Amino acid sequence: MIPRGRSIRPAMAVAFAMAVAVAACEKPQFEPPDRAARIAAADEIFSMALFDSIAWPSDSIRALEGNVVYSTYCRNCHGALGRGETDYDARRGLEVPSLVAPAWQYAEARDSVLHRVFVGHVQGMPTWGVAGISPREMDAVTHYLMDVLRPEVAAMPAGDGG
């Protein structure tokens, strides 16, 4: 029995604090999936059909939205002009490709750019398709990349990646 005039609350508070302290010392139970597993999961849900119903009032609005997305999500690694080799990359030991180099492997394929933005890759690019960028934003940033940062791609005849 608790003596009259005394409360059990201080004892409960101490017991709760001790339980929290013990729990804080234990190894967390949640283990996030490794990069390769996240990329594989993103690749599994990727579909070009995600982009089928996207329409824009004009290419200039699409490019403007793409610039906003690029500045928000891509600029730290790829730089303002898409050339890579930023201070951000250097501090983290990342090897980020230039998006405007003539030999860039995705230079002629919008579908491949959309896929890469959605899925990411193990060298460090985030899996934006599951990390919060919408298909509309991916479409806009791909347009910005291909038609503003890489205008020579926009000038290519249809069927040649333009």
C-alpha atoms as a PDB file:
ATOM      1  CA  MET A   1       0.000   0.000   0.000  1.00  0.00           C
ATOM      2  CA  ILE A   2       1.043   3.536  -0.688  1.00  0.00           C
ATOM      3  CA  PRO A   3       1.159   5.658   2.467  1.00  0.00           C
ATOM      4  CA  ARG A   4      -1.446   8.375   2.636  1.00  0.00           C
ATOM      5  CA  GLY A   5      -0.277  11.649   1.123  1.00  0.00           C
ATOM      6  CA  ARG A   6       2.286  10.051  -1.187  1.00  0.00           C
ATOM      7  CA  SER A   7       1.867   9.594  -4.915  1.00  0.00           C
ATOM      8  CA  ILE A   8       3.026   6.848  -7.213  1.00  0.00           C
ATOM      9  CA  ARG A   9       3.639   9.379 -10.011  1.00  0.00           C
ATOM     10  CA  PRO A  10       7.302  10.156  -9.180  1.00  0.00           C
ATOM     11  CA  ALA A  11       8.136   6.444  -9.105  1.00  0.00           C
ATOM     12  CA  MET A  12       6.340   5.903 -12.423  1.00  0.00           C
ATOM     13  CA  ALA A  13       8.202   8.838 -13.979  1.00  0.00           C
ATOM     14  CA  VAL A  14      11.559   7.424 -12.857  1.00  0.00           C
ATOM     15  CA  ALA A  15      10.663   3.951 -14.164  1.00  0.00           C
ATOM     16  CA  PHE A  16       9.567   5.417 -17.505  1.00  0.00           C
ATOM     17  CA  ALA A  17      12.765   7.474 -17.813  1.00  0.00           C
ATOM     18  CA  MET A  18      14.876   4.396 -17.111  1.00  0.00           C
ATOM     19  CA  ALA A  19      12.974   2.363 -19.711  1.00  0.00           C
ATOM     20  CA  VAL A  20      13.506   5.104 -22.311  1.00  0.00           C
ATOM     21  CA  ALA A  21      17.219   5.266 -21.472  1.00  0.00           C
ATOM     22  CA  VAL A  22      17.611   1.498 -21.848  1.00  0.00           C
ATOM     23  CA  ALA A  23      15.678   1.506 -25.130  1.00  0.00           C
ATOM     24  CA  ALA A  24      17.852   4.338 -26.472  1.00  0.00           C
ATOM     25  CA  CYS A  25      20.964   2.235 -25.921  1.00  0.00           C
ATOM     26  CA  GLU A  26      19.684  -0.689 -27.969  1.00  0.00           C
ATOM     27  CA  LYS A  27      20.454  -1.071 -31.665  1.00  0.00           C
ATOM     28  CA  PRO A  28      17.621   0.288 -33.823  1.00  0.00           C
ATOM     29  CA  GLN A  29      15.378  -2.385 -35.273  1.00  0.00           C
ATOM     30  CA  PHE A  30      14.846  -0.596 -38.601  1.00  0.00           C
ATOM     31  CA  GLU A  31      17.482  -1.240 -41.229  1.00  0.00           C
ATOM     32  CA  PRO A  32      16.892   0.753 -44.422  1.00  0.00           C
ATOM     33  CA  PRO A  33      17.366  -1.175 -47.647  1.00  0.00           C
ATOM     34  CA  ASP A  34      20.733  -0.795 -49.313  1.00  0.00           C
ATOM     35  CA  ARG A  35      21.113   1.362 -52.413  1.00  0.00           C
ATOM     36  CA  ALA A  36      20.990  -1.510 -54.864  1.00  0.00           C
ATOM     37  CA  ALA A  37      17.741  -2.774 -53.316  1.00  0.00           C
ATOM     38  CA  ARG A  38      16.151   0.706 -53.486  1.00  0.00           C
ATOM     39  CA  ILE A  39      17.165   1.067 -57.121  1.00  0.00           C
ATOM     40  CA  ALA A  40      15.830  -2.390 -57.987  1.00  0.00           C
ATOM     41  CA  ALA A  41      12.528  -1.548 -56.275  1.00  0.00           C
ATOM     42  CA  ALA A  42      12.276   1.758 -58.176  1.00  0.00           C
ATOM     43  CA  ASP A  43      13.103   0.019 -61.453  1.00  0.00           C
ATOM     44  CA  GLU A  44      10.342  -2.495 -60.805  1.00  0.00           C
ATOM     45  CA  ILE A  45       7.664   0.209 -60.557  1.00  0.00           C
ATOM     46  CA  PHE A  46       9.006   2.443 -63.354  1.00  0.00           C
ATOM     47  CA  SER A  47       6.831   2.673 -66.443  1.00  0.00           C
ATOM     48  CA  MET A  48       6.808   5.149 -69.314  1.00  0.00           C
ATOM     49  CA  ALA A  49       3.009   5.094 -68.928  1.00  0.00           C
ATOM     50  CA  LEU A  50       3.516   7.381 -65.907  1.00  0.00           C
ATOM     51  CA  PHE A  51       4.301  10.166 -68.377  1.00  0.00           C
ATOM     52  CA  ASP A  52       1.610   9.490 -71.012  1.00  0.00           C
ATOM     53  CA  SER A  53      -1.041  11.887 -69.750  1.00  0.00           C
ATOM     54  CA  ILE A  54       1.235  14.843 -68.990  1.00  0.00           C
ATOM     55  CA  ALA A  55       0.339  17.927 -71.021  1.00  0.00           C
ATOM     56  CA  TRP A  56       1.779  21.431 -70.880  1.00  0.00           C
ATOM     57  CA  PRO A  57       0.192  24.707 -72.010  1.00  0.00           C
ATOM     58  CA  SER A  58       3.501  25.606 -73.691  1.00  0.00           C
ATOM     59  CA  ASP A  59       7.117  24.517 -73.939  1.00  0.00           C
ATOM     60  CA  SER A  60       8.182  27.712 -72.162  1.00  0.00           C
ATOM     61  CA  ILE A  61       6.089  26.828 -69.091  1.00  0.00           C
ATOM     62  CA  ARG A  62       7.456  23.295 -69.218  1.00  0.00           C
ATOM     63  CA  ALA A  63      11.028  24.672 -69.389  1.00  0.00           C
ATOM     64  CA  LEU A  64      10.370  27.117 -66.548  1.00  0.00           C
ATOM     65  CA  GLU A  65       9.029  24.312 -64.326  1.00  0.00           C
ATOM     66  CA  GLY A  66      11.993  22.160 -65.377  1.00  0.00           C
ATOM     67  CA  ASN A  67      14.396  24.915 -64.355  1.00  0.00           C
ATOM     68  CA  VAL A  68      12.766  25.081 -60.912  1.00  0.00           C
ATOM     69  CA  VAL A  69      13.011  21.293 -60.498  1.00  0.00           C
ATOM     70  CA  TYR A  70      16.619  21.273 -61.747  1.00  0.00           C
ATOM     71  CA  SER A  71      17.595  24.092 -59.375  1.00  0.00           C
ATOM     72  CA  THR A  72      15.917  22.346 -56.449  1.00  0.00           C
ATOM     73  CA  TYR A  73      17.031  18.746 -56.955  1.00  0.00           C
ATOM     74  CA  CYS A  74      19.857  18.558 -59.512  1.00  0.00           C
ATOM     75  CA  ARG A  75      21.987  21.680 -59.280  1.00  0.00           C
ATOM     76  CA  ASN A  76      23.983  20.718 -56.163  1.00  0.00           C
ATOM     77  CA  CYS A  77      25.534  17.733 -57.925  1.00  0.00           C
ATOM     78  CA  HIS A  78      25.360  18.618 -61.618  1.00  0.00           C
ATOM     79  CA  GLY A  79      26.027  22.362 -61.304  1.00  0.00           C
ATOM     80  CA  ALA A  80      24.126  25.329 -62.704  1.00  0.00           C
ATOM     81  CA  LEU A  81      24.992  24.419 -66.291  1.00  0.00           C
ATOM     82  CA  GLY A  82      24.875  20.634 -65.953  1.00  0.00           C
ATOM     83  CA  ARG A  83      28.635  20.138 -66.109  1.00  0.00           C
ATOM     84  CA  GLY A  84      29.078  18.283 -62.788  1.00  0.00           C
ATOM     85  CA  GLU A  85      32.325  18.636 -60.811  1.00  0.00           C
ATOM     86  CA  THR A  86      30.855  20.901 -58.133  1.00  0.00           C
ATOM     87  CA  ASP A  87      32.230  21.590 -54.653  1.00  0.00           C
ATOM     88  CA  TYR A  88      29.295  19.567 -53.312  1.00  0.00           C
ATOM     89  CA  ASP A  89      30.492  16.536 -55.305  1.00  0.00           C
ATOM     90  CA  ALA A  90      34.103  16.991 -54.252  1.00  0.00           C
ATOM     91  CA  ARG A  91      33.265  17.199 -50.539  1.00  0.00           C
ATOM     92  CA  ARG A  92      31.311  13.936 -50.770  1.00  0.00           C
ATOM     93  CA  GLY A  93      33.681  12.096 -53.074  1.00  0.00           C
ATOM     94  CA  LEU A  94      31.032  11.748 -55.800  1.00  0.00           C
ATOM     95  CA  GLU A  95      31.799  11.296 -59.476  1.00  0.00           C
ATOM     96  CA  VAL A  96      28.933  13.126 -61.130  1.00  0.00           C
ATOM     97  CA  PRO A  97      28.757  13.096 -64.929  1.00  0.00           C
ATOM     98  CA  SER A  98      28.390  16.169 -67.061  1.00  0.00           C
ATOM     99  CA  LEU A  99      24.881  16.263 -68.503  1.00  0.00           C
ATOM    100  CA  VAL A 100      26.030  18.452 -71.383  1.00  0.00           C
ATOM    101  CA  ALA A 101      29.139  16.576 -72.526  1.00  0.00           C
ATOM    102  CA  PRO A 102      28.868  15.438 -76.153  1.00  0.00           C
ATOM    103  CA  ALA A 103      29.559  11.844 -75.107  1.00  0.00           C
ATOM    104  CA  TRP A 104      26.941  11.758 -72.317  1.00  0.00           C
ATOM    105  CA  GLN A 105      25.408   8.292 -72.525  1.00  0.00           C
ATOM    106  CA  TYR A 106      21.795   9.536 -72.367  1.00  0.00           C
ATOM    107  CA  ALA A 107      22.273  12.439 -74.778  1.00  0.00           C
ATOM    108  CA  GLU A 108      19.861  11.141 -77.390  1.00  0.00           C
ATOM    109  CA  ALA A 109      17.158   9.356 -75.419  1.00  0.00           C
ATOM    110  CA  ARG A 110      14.495  11.170 -73.403  1.00  0.00           C
ATOM    111  CA  ASP A 111      13.087   7.841 -72.221  1.00  0.00           C
ATOM    112  CA  SER A 112      16.485   6.929 -70.787  1.00  0.00           C
ATOM    113  CA  VAL A 113      16.740  10.270 -68.993  1.00  0.00           C
ATOM    114  CA  LEU A 114      13.278   9.813 -67.472  1.00  0.00           C
ATOM    115  CA  HIS A 115      14.229   6.289 -66.402  1.00  0.00           C
ATOM    116  CA  ARG A 116      17.497   7.460 -64.808  1.00  0.00           C
ATOM    117  CA  VAL A 117      15.788  10.319 -62.952  1.00  0.00           C
ATOM    118  CA  PHE A 118      13.115   7.938 -61.640  1.00  0.00           C
ATOM    119  CA  VAL A 119      15.395   5.017 -60.724  1.00  0.00           C
ATOM    120  CA  GLY A 120      18.717   6.691 -59.871  1.00  0.00           C
ATOM    121  CA  HIS A 121      21.894   4.602 -59.763  1.00  0.00           C
ATOM    122  CA  VAL A 122      24.240   3.012 -57.245  1.00  0.00           C
ATOM    123  CA  GLN A 123      26.995   5.606 -57.670  1.00  0.00           C
ATOM    124  CA  GLY A 124      24.880   8.109 -55.778  1.00  0.00           C
ATOM    125  CA  MET A 125      21.984   9.512 -57.785  1.00  0.00           C
ATOM    126  CA  PRO A 126      18.830   9.406 -55.670  1.00  0.00           C
ATOM    127  CA  THR A 127      15.827   7.320 -56.656  1.00  0.00           C
ATOM    128  CA  TRP A 128      13.743  10.429 -57.307  1.00  0.00           C
ATOM    129  CA  GLY A 129      10.732   8.433 -58.481  1.00  0.00           C
ATOM    130  CA  VAL A 130      10.202   7.113 -54.982  1.00  0.00           C
ATOM    131  CA  ALA A 131      11.833  10.034 -53.164  1.00  0.00           C
ATOM    132  CA  GLY A 132       9.266  12.679 -53.938  1.00  0.00           C
ATOM    133  CA  ILE A 133       9.590  14.052 -57.473  1.00  0.00           C
ATOM    134  CA  SER A 134       6.336  13.652 -59.380  1.00  0.00           C
ATOM    135  CA  PRO A 135       6.178  12.320 -62.956  1.00  0.00           C
ATOM    136  CA  ARG A 136       5.197  15.835 -64.092  1.00  0.00           C
ATOM    137  CA  GLU A 137       8.301  17.304 -62.446  1.00  0.00           C
ATOM    138  CA  MET A 138      10.453  14.566 -64.016  1.00  0.00           C
ATOM    139  CA  ASP A 139       8.982  15.357 -67.425  1.00  0.00           C
ATOM    140  CA  ALA A 140       9.690  19.059 -66.900  1.00  0.00           C
ATOM    141  CA  VAL A 141      13.289  18.571 -65.760  1.00  0.00           C
ATOM    142  CA  THR A 142      13.950  16.183 -68.655  1.00  0.00           C
ATOM    143  CA  HIS A 143      12.615  18.799 -71.081  1.00  0.00           C
ATOM    144  CA  TYR A 144      14.785  21.460 -69.425  1.00  0.00           C
ATOM    145  CA  LEU A 145      17.849  19.249 -69.610  1.00  0.00           C
ATOM    146  CA  MET A 146      17.345  18.130 -73.201  1.00  0.00           C
ATOM    147  CA  ASP A 147      15.977  21.357 -74.707  1.00  0.00           C
ATOM    148  CA  VAL A 148      17.566  24.130 -72.637  1.00  0.00           C
ATOM    149  CA  LEU A 149      20.859  22.789 -71.299  1.00  0.00           C
ATOM    150  CA  ARG A 150      21.418  20.605 -74.392  1.00  0.00           C
ATOM    151  CA  PRO A 151      19.875  22.638 -77.229  1.00  0.00           C
ATOM    152  CA  GLU A 152      21.726  20.644 -79.898  1.00  0.00           C
ATOM    153  CA  VAL A 153      19.522  17.681 -78.952  1.00  0.00           C
ATOM    154  CA  ALA A 154      16.369  19.717 -79.589  1.00  0.00           C
ATOM    155  CA  ALA A 155      17.647  20.518 -83.092  1.00  0.00           C
ATOM    156  CA  MET A 156      17.982  16.826 -84.043  1.00  0.00           C
ATOM    157  CA  PRO A 157      15.401  15.390 -86.465  1.00  0.00           C
ATOM    158  CA  ALA A 158      12.597  13.304 -84.944  1.00  0.00           C
ATOM    159  CA  GLY A 159      13.621   9.699 -84.415  1.00  0.00           C
ATOM    160  CA  ASP A 160      17.190  10.720 -83.600  1.00  0.00           C
ATOM    161  CA  GLY A 161      16.494  11.296 -79.904  1.00  0.00           C
ATOM    162  CA  GLY A 162      15.030  14.799 -80.240  1.00  0.00           C
END
